[in-house]
């Protein structure tokens, strides 16, 4: 597989290198504040932060109606927050769905 075909495949599965790297950096900054982590735990948290940022950032930008120019900053923050960011987003979606369910039907 050629280099460009690999990039096409990554895009096909929703992988955006820039957002992943921004998330990695955010997770890296966060793990530097954590004491007592084993190297494999630190690496796992950093990679998880990158992956979460990669897939959650576009969802969050869309849900919150943010400008697309905020994507990399949001990816950094989501990477920094890691799995906690998913909990916030799920809560937000649940609240939004609850509001729609509570609206009177014609």
PDB file of N, CA and C in Angstrom:
ATOM      1  N   UNK A   1       0.850  -1.181   0.000  1.00  0.00           N
ATOM      2  CA  UNK A   1       0.000   0.000   0.000  1.00  0.00           C
ATOM      3  C   UNK A   1       0.892   1.238   0.000  1.00  0.00           C
ATOM      4  N   UNK A   2       0.575   2.139  -0.876  1.00  0.00           N
ATOM      5  CA  UNK A   2       1.346   3.377  -0.959  1.00  0.00           C
ATOM      6  C   UNK A   2       0.996   4.311   0.182  1.00  0.00           C
ATOM      7  N   UNK A   3       1.879   5.273   0.392  1.00  0.00           N
ATOM      8  CA  UNK A   3       1.698   6.248   1.471  1.00  0.00           C
ATOM      9  C   UNK A   3       0.357   6.971   1.361  1.00  0.00           C
ATOM     10  N   UNK A   4       0.004   7.417   0.191  1.00  0.00           N
ATOM     11  CA  UNK A   4      -1.229   8.182   0.020  1.00  0.00           C
ATOM     12  C   UNK A   4      -2.465   7.301   0.192  1.00  0.00           C
ATOM     13  N   UNK A   5      -2.362   6.032  -0.159  1.00  0.00           N
ATOM     14  CA  UNK A   5      -3.475   5.116   0.052  1.00  0.00           C
ATOM     15  C   UNK A   5      -3.713   4.907   1.541  1.00  0.00           C
ATOM     16  N   UNK A   6      -2.642   4.894   2.314  1.00  0.00           N
ATOM     17  CA  UNK A   6      -2.784   4.745   3.770  1.00  0.00           C
ATOM     18  C   UNK A   6      -3.527   5.950   4.341  1.00  0.00           C
ATOM     19  N   UNK A   7      -3.211   7.152   3.866  1.00  0.00           N
ATOM     20  CA  UNK A   7      -3.907   8.347   4.326  1.00  0.00           C
ATOM     21  C   UNK A   7      -5.381   8.307   3.936  1.00  0.00           C
ATOM     22  N   UNK A   8      -5.677   7.815   2.748  1.00  0.00           N
ATOM     23  CA  UNK A   8      -7.069   7.693   2.312  1.00  0.00           C
ATOM     24  C   UNK A   8      -7.815   6.715   3.219  1.00  0.00           C
ATOM     25  N   UNK A   9      -7.162   5.613   3.564  1.00  0.00           N
ATOM     26  CA  UNK A   9      -7.794   4.627   4.432  1.00  0.00           C
ATOM     27  C   UNK A   9      -8.050   5.218   5.818  1.00  0.00           C
ATOM     28  N   UNK A  10      -7.079   5.976   6.346  1.00  0.00           N
ATOM     29  CA  UNK A  10      -7.251   6.605   7.653  1.00  0.00           C
ATOM     30  C   UNK A  10      -8.441   7.565   7.631  1.00  0.00           C
ATOM     31  N   UNK A  11      -8.551   8.360   6.575  1.00  0.00           N
ATOM     32  CA  UNK A  11      -9.688   9.283   6.447  1.00  0.00           C
ATOM     33  C   UNK A  11     -11.002   8.514   6.366  1.00  0.00           C
ATOM     34  N   UNK A  12     -10.974   7.384   5.676  1.00  0.00           N
ATOM     35  CA  UNK A  12     -12.169   6.564   5.521  1.00  0.00           C
ATOM     36  C   UNK A  12     -12.695   6.078   6.869  1.00  0.00           C
ATOM     37  N   UNK A  13     -11.807   5.795   7.808  1.00  0.00           N
ATOM     38  CA  UNK A  13     -12.230   5.332   9.134  1.00  0.00           C
ATOM     39  C   UNK A  13     -12.354   6.485  10.125  1.00  0.00           C
ATOM     40  N   UNK A  14     -12.316   7.718   9.616  1.00  0.00           N
ATOM     41  CA  UNK A  14     -12.546   8.886  10.454  1.00  0.00           C
ATOM     42  C   UNK A  14     -11.347   9.364  11.243  1.00  0.00           C
ATOM     43  N   UNK A  15     -10.160   8.999  10.806  1.00  0.00           N
ATOM     44  CA  UNK A  15      -8.950   9.378  11.533  1.00  0.00           C
ATOM     45  C   UNK A  15      -8.371  10.648  10.935  1.00  0.00           C
ATOM     46  N   UNK A  16      -8.297  11.698  11.764  1.00  0.00           N
ATOM     47  CA  UNK A  16      -7.717  12.977  11.358  1.00  0.00           C
ATOM     48  C   UNK A  16      -6.407  13.162  12.117  1.00  0.00           C
ATOM     49  N   UNK A  17      -5.310  13.108  11.419  1.00  0.00           N
ATOM     50  CA  UNK A  17      -3.991  13.149  12.047  1.00  0.00           C
ATOM     51  C   UNK A  17      -3.812  14.386  12.921  1.00  0.00           C
ATOM     52  N   UNK A  18      -4.231  15.543  12.444  1.00  0.00           N
ATOM     53  CA  UNK A  18      -4.057  16.780  13.208  1.00  0.00           C
ATOM     54  C   UNK A  18      -4.783  16.761  14.542  1.00  0.00           C
ATOM     55  N   UNK A  19      -6.025  16.282  14.534  1.00  0.00           N
ATOM     56  CA  UNK A  19      -6.778  16.224  15.793  1.00  0.00           C
ATOM     57  C   UNK A  19      -6.200  15.175  16.735  1.00  0.00           C
ATOM     58  N   UNK A  20      -5.740  14.071  16.163  1.00  0.00           N
ATOM     59  CA  UNK A  20      -5.116  13.031  16.983  1.00  0.00           C
ATOM     60  C   UNK A  20      -3.867  13.577  17.680  1.00  0.00           C
ATOM     61  N   UNK A  21      -3.043  14.293  16.933  1.00  0.00           N
ATOM     62  CA  UNK A  21      -1.811  14.858  17.507  1.00  0.00           C
ATOM     63  C   UNK A  21      -2.147  15.913  18.562  1.00  0.00           C
ATOM     64  N   UNK A  22      -3.131  16.763  18.292  1.00  0.00           N
ATOM     65  CA  UNK A  22      -3.541  17.764  19.289  1.00  0.00           C
ATOM     66  C   UNK A  22      -4.012  17.069  20.569  1.00  0.00           C
ATOM     67  N   UNK A  23      -4.768  15.986  20.426  1.00  0.00           N
ATOM     68  CA  UNK A  23      -5.214  15.214  21.579  1.00  0.00           C
ATOM     69  C   UNK A  23      -4.063  14.554  22.311  1.00  0.00           C
ATOM     70  N   UNK A  24      -3.085  14.049  21.549  1.00  0.00           N
ATOM     71  CA  UNK A  24      -1.878  13.468  22.169  1.00  0.00           C
ATOM     72  C   UNK A  24      -1.172  14.505  23.028  1.00  0.00           C
ATOM     73  N   UNK A  25      -1.015  15.702  22.481  1.00  0.00           N
ATOM     74  CA  UNK A  25      -0.338  16.762  23.231  1.00  0.00           C
ATOM     75  C   UNK A  25      -1.103  17.120  24.505  1.00  0.00           C
ATOM     76  N   UNK A  26      -2.422  17.229  24.401  1.00  0.00           N
ATOM     77  CA  UNK A  26      -3.231  17.523  25.576  1.00  0.00           C
ATOM     78  C   UNK A  26      -3.092  16.441  26.634  1.00  0.00           C
ATOM     79  N   UNK A  27      -3.140  15.184  26.204  1.00  0.00           N
ATOM     80  CA  UNK A  27      -2.997  14.068  27.141  1.00  0.00           C
ATOM     81  C   UNK A  27      -1.595  14.036  27.737  1.00  0.00           C
ATOM     82  N   UNK A  28      -0.596  14.364  26.923  1.00  0.00           N
ATOM     83  CA  UNK A  28       0.784  14.395  27.412  1.00  0.00           C
ATOM     84  C   UNK A  28       0.935  15.428  28.524  1.00  0.00           C
ATOM     85  N   UNK A  29       0.378  16.611  28.299  1.00  0.00           N
ATOM     86  CA  UNK A  29       0.440  17.666  29.321  1.00  0.00           C
ATOM     87  C   UNK A  29      -0.246  17.191  30.601  1.00  0.00           C
ATOM     88  N   UNK A  30      -1.400  16.552  30.453  1.00  0.00           N
ATOM     89  CA  UNK A  30      -2.136  16.079  31.619  1.00  0.00           C
ATOM     90  C   UNK A  30      -1.363  15.000  32.374  1.00  0.00           C
ATOM     91  N   UNK A  31      -0.787  14.054  31.671  1.00  0.00           N
ATOM     92  CA  UNK A  31      -0.081  12.971  32.361  1.00  0.00           C
ATOM     93  C   UNK A  31       1.182  13.470  33.056  1.00  0.00           C
ATOM     94  N   UNK A  32       1.711  14.585  32.618  1.00  0.00           N
ATOM     95  CA  UNK A  32       2.883  15.147  33.306  1.00  0.00           C
ATOM     96  C   UNK A  32       2.534  15.673  34.686  1.00  0.00           C
ATOM     97  N   UNK A  33       1.249  15.908  34.940  1.00  0.00           N
ATOM     98  CA  UNK A  33       0.825  16.359  36.264  1.00  0.00           C
ATOM     99  C   UNK A  33       0.504  15.179  37.185  1.00  0.00           C
ATOM    100  N   UNK A  34       0.482  13.974  36.632  1.00  0.00           N
ATOM    101  CA  UNK A  34       0.133  12.781  37.411  1.00  0.00           C
ATOM    102  C   UNK A  34       1.392  12.108  37.945  1.00  0.00           C
ATOM    103  N   UNK A  35       1.366  11.804  39.198  1.00  0.00           N
ATOM    104  CA  UNK A  35       2.518  11.147  39.834  1.00  0.00           C
ATOM    105  C   UNK A  35       2.257   9.650  39.950  1.00  0.00           C
ATOM    106  N   UNK A  36       3.309   8.886  39.909  1.00  0.00           N
ATOM    107  CA  UNK A  36       3.242   7.457  40.170  1.00  0.00           C
ATOM    108  C   UNK A  36       2.742   6.594  39.028  1.00  0.00           C
ATOM    109  N   UNK A  37       2.640   7.154  37.833  1.00  0.00           N
ATOM    110  CA  UNK A  37       2.212   6.343  36.697  1.00  0.00           C
ATOM    111  C   UNK A  37       3.373   5.504  36.178  1.00  0.00           C
ATOM    112  N   UNK A  38       3.077   4.281  35.841  1.00  0.00           N
ATOM    113  CA  UNK A  38       4.075   3.432  35.179  1.00  0.00           C
ATOM    114  C   UNK A  38       4.159   3.885  33.721  1.00  0.00           C
ATOM    115  N   UNK A  39       5.290   3.659  33.059  1.00  0.00           N
ATOM    116  CA  UNK A  39       5.426   4.111  31.664  1.00  0.00           C
ATOM    117  C   UNK A  39       4.324   3.596  30.740  1.00  0.00           C
ATOM    118  N   UNK A  40       3.913   2.345  30.904  1.00  0.00           N
ATOM    119  CA  UNK A  40       2.862   1.819  30.028  1.00  0.00           C
ATOM    120  C   UNK A  40       1.504   2.461  30.342  1.00  0.00           C
ATOM    121  N   UNK A  41       1.272   2.842  31.595  1.00  0.00           N
ATOM    122  CA  UNK A  41       0.034   3.547  31.947  1.00  0.00           C
ATOM    123  C   UNK A  41       0.030   4.942  31.320  1.00  0.00           C
ATOM    124  N   UNK A  42       1.156   5.619  31.409  1.00  0.00           N
ATOM    125  CA  UNK A  42       1.284   6.947  30.816  1.00  0.00           C
ATOM    126  C   UNK A  42       1.075   6.872  29.300  1.00  0.00           C
ATOM    127  N   UNK A  43       1.705   5.899  28.653  1.00  0.00           N
ATOM    128  CA  UNK A  43       1.561   5.740  27.202  1.00  0.00           C
ATOM    129  C   UNK A  43       0.110   5.439  26.834  1.00  0.00           C
ATOM    130  N   UNK A  44      -0.542   4.583  27.614  1.00  0.00           N
ATOM    131  CA  UNK A  44      -1.946   4.252  27.346  1.00  0.00           C
ATOM    132  C   UNK A  44      -2.853   5.455  27.473  1.00  0.00           C
ATOM    133  N   UNK A  45      -2.616   6.276  28.495  1.00  0.00           N
ATOM    134  CA  UNK A  45      -3.422   7.485  28.679  1.00  0.00           C
ATOM    135  C   UNK A  45      -3.205   8.478  27.544  1.00  0.00           C
ATOM    136  N   UNK A  46      -1.981   8.612  27.105  1.00  0.00           N
ATOM    137  CA  UNK A  46      -1.675   9.554  26.018  1.00  0.00           C
ATOM    138  C   UNK A  46      -2.323   9.094  24.716  1.00  0.00           C
ATOM    139  N   UNK A  47      -2.190   7.822  24.389  1.00  0.00           N
ATOM    140  CA  UNK A  47      -2.801   7.302  23.156  1.00  0.00           C
ATOM    141  C   UNK A  47      -4.323   7.390  23.238  1.00  0.00           C
ATOM    142  N   UNK A  48      -4.883   7.051  24.399  1.00  0.00           N
ATOM    143  CA  UNK A  48      -6.337   7.161  24.574  1.00  0.00           C
ATOM    144  C   UNK A  48      -6.806   8.598  24.397  1.00  0.00           C
ATOM    145  N   UNK A  49      -6.048   9.547  24.945  1.00  0.00           N
ATOM    146  CA  UNK A  49      -6.391  10.957  24.791  1.00  0.00           C
ATOM    147  C   UNK A  49      -6.410  11.369  23.327  1.00  0.00           C
ATOM    148  N   UNK A  50      -5.437  10.888  22.566  1.00  0.00           N
ATOM    149  CA  UNK A  50      -5.401  11.194  21.140  1.00  0.00           C
ATOM    150  C   UNK A  50      -6.581  10.608  20.390  1.00  0.00           C
ATOM    151  N   UNK A  51      -6.914   9.360  20.702  1.00  0.00           N
ATOM    152  CA  UNK A  51      -8.029   8.705  20.024  1.00  0.00           C
ATOM    153  C   UNK A  51      -9.366   9.337  20.389  1.00  0.00           C
ATOM    154  N   UNK A  52      -9.553   9.621  21.677  1.00  0.00           N
ATOM    155  CA  UNK A  52     -10.794  10.272  22.106  1.00  0.00           C
ATOM    156  C   UNK A  52     -10.928  11.622  21.412  1.00  0.00           C
ATOM    157  N   UNK A  53      -9.853  12.388  21.390  1.00  0.00           N
ATOM    158  CA  UNK A  53      -9.894  13.710  20.738  1.00  0.00           C
ATOM    159  C   UNK A  53     -10.217  13.580  19.254  1.00  0.00           C
ATOM    160  N   UNK A  54      -9.633  12.593  18.604  1.00  0.00           N
ATOM    161  CA  UNK A  54      -9.840  12.410  17.176  1.00  0.00           C
ATOM    162  C   UNK A  54     -11.311  12.183  16.834  1.00  0.00           C
ATOM    163  N   UNK A  55     -11.975  11.345  17.590  1.00  0.00           N
ATOM    164  CA  UNK A  55     -13.343  10.987  17.248  1.00  0.00           C
ATOM    165  C   UNK A  55     -14.405  11.840  17.932  1.00  0.00           C
ATOM    166  N   UNK A  56     -14.098  12.438  19.056  1.00  0.00           N
ATOM    167  CA  UNK A  56     -15.094  13.209  19.792  1.00  0.00           C
ATOM    168  C   UNK A  56     -15.090  14.690  19.410  1.00  0.00           C
ATOM    169  N   UNK A  57     -13.951  15.226  19.004  1.00  0.00           N
ATOM    170  CA  UNK A  57     -13.874  16.650  18.668  1.00  0.00           C
ATOM    171  C   UNK A  57     -14.895  17.073  17.614  1.00  0.00           C
ATOM    172  N   UNK A  58     -15.001  16.370  16.479  1.00  0.00           N
ATOM    173  CA  UNK A  58     -16.000  16.807  15.491  1.00  0.00           C
ATOM    174  C   UNK A  58     -17.426  16.766  16.041  1.00  0.00           C
ATOM    175  N   UNK A  59     -17.716  15.771  16.869  1.00  0.00           N
ATOM    176  CA  UNK A  59     -19.048  15.669  17.473  1.00  0.00           C
ATOM    177  C   UNK A  59     -19.299  16.871  18.377  1.00  0.00           C
ATOM    178  N   UNK A  60     -18.327  17.175  19.232  1.00  0.00           N
ATOM    179  CA  UNK A  60     -18.477  18.287  20.160  1.00  0.00           C
ATOM    180  C   UNK A  60     -18.583  19.622  19.432  1.00  0.00           C
ATOM    181  N   UNK A  61     -17.766  19.832  18.431  1.00  0.00           N
ATOM    182  CA  UNK A  61     -17.818  21.079  17.661  1.00  0.00           C
ATOM    183  C   UNK A  61     -19.194  21.234  17.032  1.00  0.00           C
ATOM    184  N   UNK A  62     -19.759  20.143  16.545  1.00  0.00           N
ATOM    185  CA  UNK A  62     -21.082  20.179  15.931  1.00  0.00           C
ATOM    186  C   UNK A  62     -22.174  20.410  16.967  1.00  0.00           C
ATOM    187  N   UNK A  63     -22.143  19.662  18.061  1.00  0.00           N
ATOM    188  CA  UNK A  63     -23.168  19.780  19.095  1.00  0.00           C
ATOM    189  C   UNK A  63     -23.181  21.182  19.702  1.00  0.00           C
ATOM    190  N   UNK A  64     -21.998  21.697  19.996  1.00  0.00           N
ATOM    191  CA  UNK A  64     -21.885  22.996  20.661  1.00  0.00           C
ATOM    192  C   UNK A  64     -21.971  24.160  19.683  1.00  0.00           C
ATOM    193  N   UNK A  65     -22.096  23.841  18.404  1.00  0.00           N
ATOM    194  CA  UNK A  65     -22.199  24.849  17.350  1.00  0.00           C
ATOM    195  C   UNK A  65     -21.004  25.801  17.366  1.00  0.00           C
ATOM    196  N   UNK A  66     -19.815  25.230  17.553  1.00  0.00           N
ATOM    197  CA  UNK A  66     -18.577  26.007  17.515  1.00  0.00           C
ATOM    198  C   UNK A  66     -18.110  26.160  16.074  1.00  0.00           C
ATOM    199  N   UNK A  67     -17.303  27.159  15.846  1.00  0.00           N
ATOM    200  CA  UNK A  67     -16.682  27.379  14.559  1.00  0.00           C
ATOM    201  C   UNK A  67     -15.635  26.292  14.332  1.00  0.00           C
ATOM    202  N   UNK A  68     -15.491  25.835  13.109  1.00  0.00           N
ATOM    203  CA  UNK A  68     -14.513  24.776  12.812  1.00  0.00           C
ATOM    204  C   UNK A  68     -13.079  25.192  13.123  1.00  0.00           C
ATOM    205  N   UNK A  69     -12.821  26.480  13.207  1.00  0.00           N
ATOM    206  CA  UNK A  69     -11.463  26.928  13.511  1.00  0.00           C
ATOM    207  C   UNK A  69     -11.056  26.583  14.948  1.00  0.00           C
ATOM    208  N   UNK A  70     -12.008  26.168  15.756  1.00  0.00           N
ATOM    209  CA  UNK A  70     -11.716  25.804  17.149  1.00  0.00           C
ATOM    210  C   UNK A  70     -11.344  24.330  17.307  1.00  0.00           C
ATOM    211  N   UNK A  71     -11.375  23.563  16.224  1.00  0.00           N
ATOM    212  CA  UNK A  71     -11.205  22.114  16.316  1.00  0.00           C
ATOM    213  C   UNK A  71      -9.918  21.679  17.017  1.00  0.00           C
ATOM    214  N   UNK A  72      -8.792  22.251  16.648  1.00  0.00           N
ATOM    215  CA  UNK A  72      -7.529  21.782  17.227  1.00  0.00           C
ATOM    216  C   UNK A  72      -7.416  22.156  18.699  1.00  0.00           C
ATOM    217  N   UNK A  73      -7.916  23.324  19.049  1.00  0.00           N
ATOM    218  CA  UNK A  73      -7.941  23.705  20.458  1.00  0.00           C
ATOM    219  C   UNK A  73      -8.850  22.789  21.256  1.00  0.00           C
ATOM    220  N   UNK A  74     -10.013  22.472  20.689  1.00  0.00           N
ATOM    221  CA  UNK A  74     -10.926  21.544  21.349  1.00  0.00           C
ATOM    222  C   UNK A  74     -10.304  20.157  21.451  1.00  0.00           C
ATOM    223  N   UNK A  75      -9.596  19.729  20.424  1.00  0.00           N
ATOM    224  CA  UNK A  75      -8.945  18.415  20.453  1.00  0.00           C
ATOM    225  C   UNK A  75      -7.906  18.363  21.565  1.00  0.00           C
ATOM    226  N   UNK A  76      -7.174  19.458  21.748  1.00  0.00           N
ATOM    227  CA  UNK A  76      -6.187  19.518  22.832  1.00  0.00           C
ATOM    228  C   UNK A  76      -6.881  19.371  24.182  1.00  0.00           C
ATOM    229  N   UNK A  77      -7.962  20.124  24.377  1.00  0.00           N
ATOM    230  CA  UNK A  77      -8.695  20.081  25.649  1.00  0.00           C
ATOM    231  C   UNK A  77      -9.301  18.697  25.876  1.00  0.00           C
ATOM    232  N   UNK A  78      -9.874  18.122  24.848  1.00  0.00           N
ATOM    233  CA  UNK A  78     -10.467  16.784  24.980  1.00  0.00           C
ATOM    234  C   UNK A  78      -9.384  15.758  25.280  1.00  0.00           C
ATOM    235  N   UNK A  79      -8.233  15.872  24.626  1.00  0.00           N
ATOM    236  CA  UNK A  79      -7.120  14.976  24.935  1.00  0.00           C
ATOM    237  C   UNK A  79      -6.672  15.140  26.373  1.00  0.00           C
ATOM    238  N   UNK A  80      -6.646  16.371  26.837  1.00  0.00           N
ATOM    239  CA  UNK A  80      -6.264  16.659  28.218  1.00  0.00           C
ATOM    240  C   UNK A  80      -7.263  16.031  29.188  1.00  0.00           C
ATOM    241  N   UNK A  81      -8.546  16.141  28.866  1.00  0.00           N
ATOM    242  CA  UNK A  81      -9.584  15.602  29.736  1.00  0.00           C
ATOM    243  C   UNK A  81      -9.723  14.087  29.622  1.00  0.00           C
ATOM    244  N   UNK A  82      -9.356  13.542  28.462  1.00  0.00           N
ATOM    245  CA  UNK A  82      -9.442  12.102  28.262  1.00  0.00           C
ATOM    246  C   UNK A  82     -10.862  11.583  28.340  1.00  0.00           C
ATOM    247  N   UNK A  83     -11.023  10.477  29.030  1.00  0.00           N
ATOM    248  CA  UNK A  83     -12.323   9.810  29.107  1.00  0.00           C
ATOM    249  C   UNK A  83     -13.369  10.660  29.834  1.00  0.00           C
ATOM    250  N   UNK A  84     -12.933  11.579  30.665  1.00  0.00           N
ATOM    251  CA  UNK A  84     -13.877  12.460  31.357  1.00  0.00           C
ATOM    252  C   UNK A  84     -14.688  13.266  30.358  1.00  0.00           C
ATOM    253  N   UNK A  85     -14.067  13.655  29.247  1.00  0.00           N
ATOM    254  CA  UNK A  85     -14.779  14.441  28.241  1.00  0.00           C
ATOM    255  C   UNK A  85     -15.950  13.662  27.656  1.00  0.00           C
ATOM    256  N   UNK A  86     -15.803  12.349  27.521  1.00  0.00           N
ATOM    257  CA  UNK A  86     -16.894  11.541  26.982  1.00  0.00           C
ATOM    258  C   UNK A  86     -18.094  11.587  27.923  1.00  0.00           C
ATOM    259  N   UNK A  87     -17.846  11.508  29.220  1.00  0.00           N
ATOM    260  CA  UNK A  87     -18.947  11.562  30.194  1.00  0.00           C
ATOM    261  C   UNK A  87     -19.707  12.879  30.080  1.00  0.00           C
ATOM    262  N   UNK A  88     -18.992  13.989  29.922  1.00  0.00           N
ATOM    263  CA  UNK A  88     -19.658  15.283  29.775  1.00  0.00           C
ATOM    264  C   UNK A  88     -20.511  15.327  28.506  1.00  0.00           C
ATOM    265  N   UNK A  89     -19.987  14.805  27.425  1.00  0.00           N
ATOM    266  CA  UNK A  89     -20.710  14.832  26.156  1.00  0.00           C
ATOM    267  C   UNK A  89     -21.950  13.946  26.229  1.00  0.00           C
ATOM    268  N   UNK A  90     -21.817  12.767  26.829  1.00  0.00           N
ATOM    269  CA  UNK A  90     -22.967  11.871  26.972  1.00  0.00           C
ATOM    270  C   UNK A  90     -24.052  12.539  27.813  1.00  0.00           C
ATOM    271  N   UNK A  91     -23.665  13.186  28.901  1.00  0.00           N
ATOM    272  CA  UNK A  91     -24.639  13.904  29.732  1.00  0.00           C
ATOM    273  C   UNK A  91     -25.336  15.004  28.941  1.00  0.00           C
ATOM    274  N   UNK A  92     -24.573  15.746  28.145  1.00  0.00           N
ATOM    275  CA  UNK A  92     -25.128  16.818  27.333  1.00  0.00           C
ATOM    276  C   UNK A  92     -26.146  16.257  26.337  1.00  0.00           C
ATOM    277  N   UNK A  93     -25.793  15.152  25.683  1.00  0.00           N
ATOM    278  CA  UNK A  93     -26.697  14.539  24.702  1.00  0.00           C
ATOM    279  C   UNK A  93     -27.960  14.040  25.388  1.00  0.00           C
ATOM    280  N   UNK A  94     -27.811  13.414  26.543  1.00  0.00           N
ATOM    281  CA  UNK A  94     -28.984  12.936  27.283  1.00  0.00           C
ATOM    282  C   UNK A  94     -29.923  14.086  27.634  1.00  0.00           C
ATOM    283  N   UNK A  95     -29.353  15.204  28.083  1.00  0.00           N
ATOM    284  CA  UNK A  95     -30.174  16.366  28.430  1.00  0.00           C
ATOM    285  C   UNK A  95     -30.895  16.897  27.192  1.00  0.00           C
ATOM    286  N   UNK A  96     -30.184  16.939  26.081  1.00  0.00           N
ATOM    287  CA  UNK A  96     -30.790  17.423  24.843  1.00  0.00           C
ATOM    288  C   UNK A  96     -31.918  16.503  24.397  1.00  0.00           C
ATOM    289  N   UNK A  97     -31.710  15.207  24.504  1.00  0.00           N
ATOM    290  CA  UNK A  97     -32.744  14.250  24.131  1.00  0.00           C
ATOM    291  C   UNK A  97     -33.927  14.335  25.087  1.00  0.00           C
ATOM    292  N   UNK A  98     -33.651  14.550  26.344  1.00  0.00           N
ATOM    293  CA  UNK A  98     -34.716  14.671  27.346  1.00  0.00           C
ATOM    294  C   UNK A  98     -35.587  15.873  27.046  1.00  0.00           C
ATOM    295  N   UNK A  99     -35.002  16.979  26.655  1.00  0.00           N
ATOM    296  CA  UNK A  99     -35.762  18.177  26.307  1.00  0.00           C
ATOM    297  C   UNK A  99     -36.679  17.891  25.137  1.00  0.00           C
ATOM    298  N   UNK A 100     -36.176  17.180  24.134  1.00  0.00           N
ATOM    299  CA  UNK A 100     -37.000  16.856  22.970  1.00  0.00           C
ATOM    300  C   UNK A 100     -38.140  15.922  23.360  1.00  0.00           C
ATOM    301  N   UNK A 101     -37.897  14.984  24.267  1.00  0.00           N
ATOM    302  CA  UNK A 101     -38.949  14.072  24.696  1.00  0.00           C
ATOM    303  C   UNK A 101     -40.005  14.789  25.508  1.00  0.00           C
ATOM    304  N   UNK A 102     -39.624  15.814  26.255  1.00  0.00           N
ATOM    305  CA  UNK A 102     -40.551  16.550  27.109  1.00  0.00           C
ATOM    306  C   UNK A 102     -41.401  17.557  26.341  1.00  0.00           C
ATOM    307  N   UNK A 103     -41.004  17.894  25.123  1.00  0.00           N
ATOM    308  CA  UNK A 103     -41.762  18.858  24.334  1.00  0.00           C
ATOM    309  C   UNK A 103     -43.116  18.268  23.982  1.00  0.00           C
ATOM    310  N   UNK A 104     -44.164  19.080  24.060  1.00  0.00           N
ATOM    311  CA  UNK A 104     -45.504  18.564  23.720  1.00  0.00           C
ATOM    312  C   UNK A 104     -45.592  18.189  22.238  1.00  0.00           C
ATOM    313  N   UNK A 105     -46.297  17.117  21.991  1.00  0.00           N
ATOM    314  CA  UNK A 105     -46.481  16.674  20.608  1.00  0.00           C
ATOM    315  C   UNK A 105     -47.815  17.191  20.097  1.00  0.00           C
ATOM    316  N   UNK A 106     -47.820  17.558  18.826  1.00  0.00           N
ATOM    317  CA  UNK A 106     -49.057  18.104  18.235  1.00  0.00           C
ATOM    318  C   UNK A 106     -50.030  17.008  17.902  1.00  0.00           C
TER     319      UNK A 106
END
